[in-house]
PDB file of N, CA and C in Angstrom:
ATOM      1  N   MET A   1      76.964 139.864  78.027  1.00  0.00           N
ATOM      2  CA  MET A   1      77.171 139.845  79.504  1.00  0.00           C
ATOM      3  C   MET A   1      76.608 140.790  80.292  1.00  0.00           C
ATOM      4  N   GLY A   2      75.563 140.666  81.345  1.00  0.00           N
ATOM      5  CA  GLY A   2      75.229 141.583  82.231  1.00  0.00           C
ATOM      6  C   GLY A   2      75.728 142.089  83.072  1.00  0.00           C
ATOM      7  N   LEU A   3      75.270 143.776  83.662  1.00  0.00           N
ATOM      8  CA  LEU A   3      76.379 144.147  84.541  1.00  0.00           C
ATOM      9  C   LEU A   3      76.611 143.375  85.618  1.00  0.00           C
ATOM     10  N   ILE A   4      75.607 142.455  86.351  1.00  0.00           N
ATOM     11  CA  ILE A   4      76.110 141.421  87.445  1.00  0.00           C
ATOM     12  C   ILE A   4      77.160 140.442  87.027  1.00  0.00           C
ATOM     13  N   ASP A   5      76.927 140.023  85.991  1.00  0.00           N
ATOM     14  CA  ASP A   5      78.206 138.963  85.490  1.00  0.00           C
ATOM     15  C   ASP A   5      79.496 139.613  85.328  1.00  0.00           C
ATOM     16  N   ASP A   6      79.660 141.141  84.510  1.00  0.00           N
ATOM     17  CA  ASP A   6      80.831 141.861  84.681  1.00  0.00           C
ATOM     18  C   ASP A   6      81.005 141.990  86.363  1.00  0.00           C
ATOM     19  N   LEU A   7      80.464 142.439  86.993  1.00  0.00           N
ATOM     20  CA  LEU A   7      80.986 142.576  88.208  1.00  0.00           C
ATOM     21  C   LEU A   7      81.350 141.277  89.059  1.00  0.00           C
ATOM     22  N   LYS A   8      80.632 140.653  88.915  1.00  0.00           N
ATOM     23  CA  LYS A   8      81.044 139.241  89.371  1.00  0.00           C
ATOM     24  C   LYS A   8      82.651 138.519  88.848  1.00  0.00           C
ATOM     25  N   GLY A   9      82.782 139.073  87.841  1.00  0.00           N
ATOM     26  CA  GLY A   9      84.342 138.863  87.313  1.00  0.00           C
ATOM     27  C   GLY A   9      85.343 139.445  87.606  1.00  0.00           C
ATOM     28  N   LYS A  10      84.943 140.908  87.577  1.00  0.00           N
ATOM     29  CA  LYS A  10      85.861 141.581  88.420  1.00  0.00           C
ATOM     30  C   LYS A  10      86.084 141.445  89.889  1.00  0.00           C
ATOM     31  N   ALA A  11      85.205 140.917  90.483  1.00  0.00           N
ATOM     32  CA  ALA A  11      85.420 140.733  91.927  1.00  0.00           C
ATOM     33  C   ALA A  11      86.252 139.236  91.774  1.00  0.00           C
ATOM     34  N   GLN A  12      86.038 138.366  91.056  1.00  0.00           N
ATOM     35  CA  GLN A  12      87.128 137.167  91.070  1.00  0.00           C
ATOM     36  C   GLN A  12      88.040 137.285  90.890  1.00  0.00           C
ATOM     37  N   GLU A  13      88.330 138.235  90.050  1.00  0.00           N
ATOM     38  CA  GLU A  13      89.923 138.961  89.242  1.00  0.00           C
ATOM     39  C   GLU A  13      90.438 139.310  90.640  1.00  0.00           C
ATOM     40  N   LEU A  14      89.759 140.188  91.375  1.00  0.00           N
ATOM     41  CA  LEU A  14      90.628 141.062  92.663  1.00  0.00           C
ATOM     42  C   LEU A  14      90.428 140.027  93.209  1.00  0.00           C
ATOM     43  N   ILE A  15      89.831 138.903  93.971  1.00  0.00           N
ATOM     44  CA  ILE A  15      89.972 137.977  94.999  1.00  0.00           C
ATOM     45  C   ILE A  15      91.159 137.156  94.481  1.00  0.00           C
ATOM     46  N   GLY A  16      91.284 136.622  93.356  1.00  0.00           N
ATOM     47  CA  GLY A  16      92.050 135.661  92.935  1.00  0.00           C
ATOM     48  C   GLY A  16      93.166 134.950  93.547  1.00  0.00           C
ATOM     49  N   GLY A  17      92.896 134.363  94.525  1.00  0.00           N
ATOM     50  CA  GLY A  17      94.011 133.781  95.445  1.00  0.00           C
ATOM     51  C   GLY A  17      94.192 134.346  96.716  1.00  0.00           C
ATOM     52  N   ASN A  18      93.526 135.317  96.851  1.00  0.00           N
ATOM     53  CA  ASN A  18      93.665 135.954  98.242  1.00  0.00           C
ATOM     54  C   ASN A  18      92.749 135.951  99.266  1.00  0.00           C
ATOM     55  N   GLU A  19      92.030 134.897  99.336  1.00  0.00           N
ATOM     56  CA  GLU A  19      90.554 134.799  99.834  1.00  0.00           C
ATOM     57  C   GLU A  19      90.991 134.818 101.313  1.00  0.00           C
ATOM     58  N   GLU A  20      92.087 134.248 101.954  1.00  0.00           N
ATOM     59  CA  GLU A  20      92.067 133.874 103.339  1.00  0.00           C
ATOM     60  C   GLU A  20      92.730 135.326 103.940  1.00  0.00           C
ATOM     61  N   ALA A  21      93.333 136.099 103.211  1.00  0.00           N
ATOM     62  CA  ALA A  21      93.967 137.222 103.414  1.00  0.00           C
ATOM     63  C   ALA A  21      92.629 138.453 103.665  1.00  0.00           C
ATOM     64  N   ILE A  22      91.630 138.118 102.687  1.00  0.00           N
ATOM     65  CA  ILE A  22      90.301 139.250 102.743  1.00  0.00           C
ATOM     66  C   ILE A  22      89.693 138.948 103.753  1.00  0.00           C
ATOM     67  N   LYS A  23      89.390 137.519 104.079  1.00  0.00           N
ATOM     68  CA  LYS A  23      88.236 137.119 105.159  1.00  0.00           C
ATOM     69  C   LYS A  23      89.184 137.486 106.384  1.00  0.00           C
ATOM     70  N   ASP A  24      90.395 137.337 106.413  1.00  0.00           N
ATOM     71  CA  ASP A  24      91.122 137.908 107.438  1.00  0.00           C
ATOM     72  C   ASP A  24      90.939 139.263 107.918  1.00  0.00           C
ATOM     73  N   GLY A  25      91.244 140.155 107.000  1.00  0.00           N
ATOM     74  CA  GLY A  25      90.930 141.674 106.725  1.00  0.00           C
ATOM     75  C   GLY A  25      89.422 141.840 107.401  1.00  0.00           C
ATOM     76  N   ILE A  26      88.507 141.224 106.482  1.00  0.00           N
ATOM     77  CA  ILE A  26      86.976 141.315 107.018  1.00  0.00           C
ATOM     78  C   ILE A  26      86.786 141.259 108.211  1.00  0.00           C
ATOM     79  N   GLN A  27      87.669 140.230 109.185  1.00  0.00           N
ATOM     80  CA  GLN A  27      87.382 139.961 110.689  1.00  0.00           C
ATOM     81  C   GLN A  27      88.290 141.002 111.150  1.00  0.00           C
ATOM     82  N   LYS A  28      89.066 141.706 110.840  1.00  0.00           N
ATOM     83  CA  LYS A  28      89.982 142.568 111.544  1.00  0.00           C
ATOM     84  C   LYS A  28      89.321 143.954 111.548  1.00  0.00           C
ATOM     85  N   ALA A  29      88.695 143.910 110.719  1.00  0.00           N
ATOM     86  CA  ALA A  29      87.741 145.481 110.448  1.00  0.00           C
ATOM     87  C   ALA A  29      86.429 145.329 111.196  1.00  0.00           C
ATOM     88  N   GLY A  30      85.775 143.997 111.465  1.00  0.00           N
ATOM     89  CA  GLY A  30      84.872 143.848 112.448  1.00  0.00           C
ATOM     90  C   GLY A  30      85.198 144.246 113.650  1.00  0.00           C
ATOM     91  N   ASP A  31      86.438 143.722 114.164  1.00  0.00           N
ATOM     92  CA  ASP A  31      86.840 143.360 115.155  1.00  0.00           C
ATOM     93  C   ASP A  31      86.994 145.069 115.838  1.00  0.00           C
ATOM     94  N   PHE A  32      87.616 145.739 114.911  1.00  0.00           N
ATOM     95  CA  PHE A  32      87.843 147.399 114.878  1.00  0.00           C
ATOM     96  C   PHE A  32      86.522 147.527 115.345  1.00  0.00           C
ATOM     97  N   VAL A  33      85.631 147.619 114.426  1.00  0.00           N
ATOM     98  CA  VAL A  33      84.342 148.518 115.013  1.00  0.00           C
ATOM     99  C   VAL A  33      83.762 147.923 116.003  1.00  0.00           C
ATOM    100  N   ASP A  34      84.050 146.695 116.256  1.00  0.00           N
ATOM    101  CA  ASP A  34      83.305 146.283 118.020  1.00  0.00           C
ATOM    102  C   ASP A  34      84.226 147.223 119.035  1.00  0.00           C
ATOM    103  N   ASP A  35      85.375 147.252 118.761  1.00  0.00           N
ATOM    104  CA  ASP A  35      86.370 147.386 120.024  1.00  0.00           C
ATOM    105  C   ASP A  35      86.037 149.115 119.744  1.00  0.00           C
ATOM    106  N   LYS A  36      85.949 150.193 118.933  1.00  0.00           N
ATOM    107  CA  LYS A  36      85.300 151.262 118.807  1.00  0.00           C
ATOM    108  C   LYS A  36      83.978 151.953 119.294  1.00  0.00           C
ATOM    109  N   THR A  37      83.256 150.958 119.259  1.00  0.00           N
ATOM    110  CA  THR A  37      81.851 151.174 119.243  1.00  0.00           C
ATOM    111  C   THR A  37      81.439 150.159 121.055  1.00  0.00           C
ATOM    112  N   GLY A  38      82.030 149.658 121.894  1.00  0.00           N
ATOM    113  CA  GLY A  38      82.493 148.825 122.734  1.00  0.00           C
ATOM    114  C   GLY A  38      81.242 147.904 122.294  1.00  0.00           C
ATOM    115  N   GLY A  39      80.999 147.129 121.458  1.00  0.00           N
ATOM    116  CA  GLY A  39      80.021 145.810 121.189  1.00  0.00           C
ATOM    117  C   GLY A  39      78.850 146.261 120.898  1.00  0.00           C
ATOM    118  N   LYS A  40      78.317 147.345 120.772  1.00  0.00           N
ATOM    119  CA  LYS A  40      77.314 148.121 120.826  1.00  0.00           C
ATOM    120  C   LYS A  40      76.562 147.643 119.592  1.00  0.00           C
ATOM    121  N   PHE A  41      76.942 147.197 118.476  1.00  0.00           N
ATOM    122  CA  PHE A  41      76.316 146.808 117.569  1.00  0.00           C
ATOM    123  C   PHE A  41      77.080 145.302 117.070  1.00  0.00           C
ATOM    124  N   ALA A  42      77.430 144.508 117.873  1.00  0.00           N
ATOM    125  CA  ALA A  42      78.287 143.300 117.813  1.00  0.00           C
ATOM    126  C   ALA A  42      77.502 142.524 116.492  1.00  0.00           C
ATOM    127  N   GLU A  43      76.362 142.234 117.046  1.00  0.00           N
ATOM    128  CA  GLU A  43      75.297 141.268 116.293  1.00  0.00           C
ATOM    129  C   GLU A  43      75.340 141.810 114.548  1.00  0.00           C
ATOM    130  N   GLN A  44      74.761 143.136 114.521  1.00  0.00           N
ATOM    131  CA  GLN A  44      75.032 143.542 113.311  1.00  0.00           C
ATOM    132  C   GLN A  44      76.318 143.430 112.507  1.00  0.00           C
ATOM    133  N   VAL A  45      77.577 143.543 113.324  1.00  0.00           N
ATOM    134  CA  VAL A  45      78.738 143.840 112.816  1.00  0.00           C
ATOM    135  C   VAL A  45      79.069 141.968 112.461  1.00  0.00           C
ATOM    136  N   ASP A  46      78.880 141.171 113.147  1.00  0.00           N
ATOM    137  CA  ASP A  46      78.981 140.235 113.096  1.00  0.00           C
ATOM    138  C   ASP A  46      77.980 139.180 111.838  1.00  0.00           C
ATOM    139  N   ALA A  47      76.965 140.041 111.118  1.00  0.00           N
ATOM    140  CA  ALA A  47      76.461 139.732 110.649  1.00  0.00           C
ATOM    141  C   ALA A  47      77.048 140.276 108.980  1.00  0.00           C
ATOM    142  N   VAL A  48      77.309 141.146 108.970  1.00  0.00           N
ATOM    143  CA  VAL A  48      77.926 141.747 107.883  1.00  0.00           C
ATOM    144  C   VAL A  48      79.645 141.253 107.518  1.00  0.00           C
ATOM    145  N   GLN A  49      80.044 140.853 108.435  1.00  0.00           N
ATOM    146  CA  GLN A  49      81.452 139.833 108.653  1.00  0.00           C
ATOM    147  C   GLN A  49      80.957 138.577 107.849  1.00  0.00           C
ATOM    148  N   ASP A  50      80.096 137.787 107.891  1.00  0.00           N
ATOM    149  CA  ASP A  50      79.464 136.601 107.560  1.00  0.00           C
ATOM    150  C   ASP A  50      79.350 137.044 105.842  1.00  0.00           C
ATOM    151  N   ALA A  51      78.340 137.945 105.778  1.00  0.00           N
ATOM    152  CA  ALA A  51      77.995 137.965 104.576  1.00  0.00           C
ATOM    153  C   ALA A  51      79.015 138.488 103.602  1.00  0.00           C
ATOM    154  N   ALA A  52      80.001 139.467 104.017  1.00  0.00           N
ATOM    155  CA  ALA A  52      81.040 139.734 103.336  1.00  0.00           C
ATOM    156  C   ALA A  52      82.214 138.393 102.918  1.00  0.00           C
ATOM    157  N   SER A  53      82.150 137.687 103.860  1.00  0.00           N
ATOM    158  CA  SER A  53      83.181 136.474 103.697  1.00  0.00           C
ATOM    159  C   SER A  53      82.260 135.213 103.264  1.00  0.00           C
ATOM    160  N   GLY A  54      81.176 135.246 103.170  1.00  0.00           N
ATOM    161  CA  GLY A  54      80.270 134.430 102.344  1.00  0.00           C
ATOM    162  C   GLY A  54      80.392 135.295 100.912  1.00  0.00           C
ATOM    163  N   PHE A  55      80.717 136.169 100.651  1.00  0.00           N
ATOM    164  CA  PHE A  55      80.775 136.413  99.279  1.00  0.00           C
ATOM    165  C   PHE A  55      82.049 135.989  98.640  1.00  0.00           C
ATOM    166  N   VAL A  56      82.739 136.613  99.500  1.00  0.00           N
ATOM    167  CA  VAL A  56      84.531 136.191  98.895  1.00  0.00           C
ATOM    168  C   VAL A  56      84.675 134.412  98.450  1.00  0.00           C
ATOM    169  N   GLU A  57      84.014 133.877  99.068  1.00  0.00           N
ATOM    170  CA  GLU A  57      83.710 132.484  99.429  1.00  0.00           C
ATOM    171  C   GLU A  57      83.546 132.206  97.762  1.00  0.00           C
ATOM    172  N   ASN A  58      81.863 132.869  97.849  1.00  0.00           N
ATOM    173  CA  ASN A  58      81.289 132.669  96.163  1.00  0.00           C
ATOM    174  C   ASN A  58      81.752 132.834  95.321  1.00  0.00           C
ATOM    175  N   ALA A  59      82.442 134.150  95.146  1.00  0.00           N
ATOM    176  CA  ALA A  59      83.043 134.983  94.179  1.00  0.00           C
ATOM    177  C   ALA A  59      84.447 133.856  93.691  1.00  0.00           C
ATOM    178  N   SER A  60      85.025 133.622  94.567  1.00  0.00           N
ATOM    179  CA  SER A  60      86.135 132.550  94.449  1.00  0.00           C
ATOM    180  C   SER A  60      85.822 131.339  93.697  1.00  0.00           C
ATOM    181  N   GLY A  61      84.653 130.697  94.382  1.00  0.00           N
ATOM    182  CA  GLY A  61      84.366 129.400  93.928  1.00  0.00           C
ATOM    183  C   GLY A  61      84.765 128.545  94.711  1.00  0.00           C
ATOM    184  N   ASP A  62      84.677 128.739  95.906  1.00  0.00           N
ATOM    185  CA  ASP A  62      85.534 127.648  97.261  1.00  0.00           C
ATOM    186  C   ASP A  62      84.215 126.988  97.945  1.00  0.00           C
ATOM    187  N   GLU A  63      83.150 128.235  98.183  1.00  0.00           N
ATOM    188  CA  GLU A  63      82.436 127.513  98.686  1.00  0.00           C
ATOM    189  C   GLU A  63      81.479 125.956  97.952  1.00  0.00           C
ATOM    190  N   PRO A  64      81.259 124.862  98.726  1.00  0.00           N
ATOM    191  CA  PRO A  64      80.532 124.144  97.667  1.00  0.00           C
ATOM    192  C   PRO A  64      79.343 124.713  97.005  1.00  0.00           C
ATOM    193  N   GLY A  65      78.684 124.334  95.919  1.00  0.00           N
ATOM    194  CA  GLY A  65      77.708 125.025  94.998  1.00  0.00           C
ATOM    195  C   GLY A  65      78.130 126.591  93.971  1.00  0.00           C
ATOM    196  N   GLY A  66      79.076 126.746  94.721  1.00  0.00           N
ATOM    197  CA  GLY A  66      79.347 127.785  94.289  1.00  0.00           C
ATOM    198  C   GLY A  66      80.492 127.557  92.710  1.00  0.00           C
ATOM    199  N   GLU A  67      80.663 128.736  92.009  1.00  0.00           N
ATOM    200  CA  GLU A  67      80.761 128.585  90.600  1.00  0.00           C
ATOM    201  C   GLU A  67      82.498 128.966  90.479  1.00  0.00           C
ATOM    202  N   ALA A  68      83.058 128.025  89.758  1.00  0.00           N
ATOM    203  CA  ALA A  68      84.720 127.953  89.736  1.00  0.00           C
ATOM    204  C   ALA A  68      84.544 129.495  88.702  1.00  0.00           C
ATOM    205  N   PRO A  69      85.636 129.788  89.237  1.00  0.00           N
ATOM    206  CA  PRO A  69      85.967 130.880  88.001  1.00  0.00           C
ATOM    207  C   PRO A  69      86.151 131.032  86.619  1.00  0.00           C
ATOM    208  N   ALA A  70      85.627 131.168  85.735  1.00  0.00           N
ATOM    209  CA  ALA A  70      85.647 131.112  84.214  1.00  0.00           C
ATOM    210  C   ALA A  70      87.423 131.355  83.905  1.00  0.00           C
ATOM    211  N   THR A  71      87.456 130.277  82.645  1.00  0.00           N
ATOM    212  CA  THR A  71      88.796 130.384  82.449  1.00  0.00           C
ATOM    213  C   THR A  71      88.548 130.807  80.670  1.00  0.00           C
ATOM    214  N   ASP A  72      89.305 131.055  79.680  1.00  0.00           N
ATOM    215  CA  ASP A  72      89.522 131.618  78.184  1.00  0.00           C
ATOM    216  C   ASP A  72      89.961 130.186  77.729  1.00  0.00           C
ATOM    217  N   LYS A  73      90.652 129.322  78.726  1.00  0.00           N
ATOM    218  CA  LYS A  73      91.058 127.960  78.003  1.00  0.00           C
ATOM    219  C   LYS A  73      89.814 127.053  77.405  1.00  0.00           C
ATOM    220  N   ALA A  74      89.946 126.332  76.192  1.00  0.00           N
ATOM    221  CA  ALA A  74      88.899 125.600  75.673  1.00  0.00           C
ATOM    222  C   ALA A  74      89.024 124.392  76.421  1.00  0.00           C
ATOM    223  N   PRO A  75      88.388 123.541  76.657  1.00  0.00           N
ATOM    224  CA  PRO A  75      88.456 122.041  76.892  1.00  0.00           C
ATOM    225  C   PRO A  75      89.142 121.291  75.918  1.00  0.00           C
TER     226      PRO A  75
END
């Protein structure tokens, strides 16, 4: 198992079932930055919010085309 696979597995464990709460936190953090900077970096903040939310969706396997979390159970 490579480093990337190991990190992805750890991300899946951390995210496990908390996708909406994590994405809500990402949104709130971005809004906080926008508020503190007067919206000066709104485009960049939105891009980071989208990328972070996309990562959460991909890591959890919820997005179409994303991989479902691996299980230890045999079929």
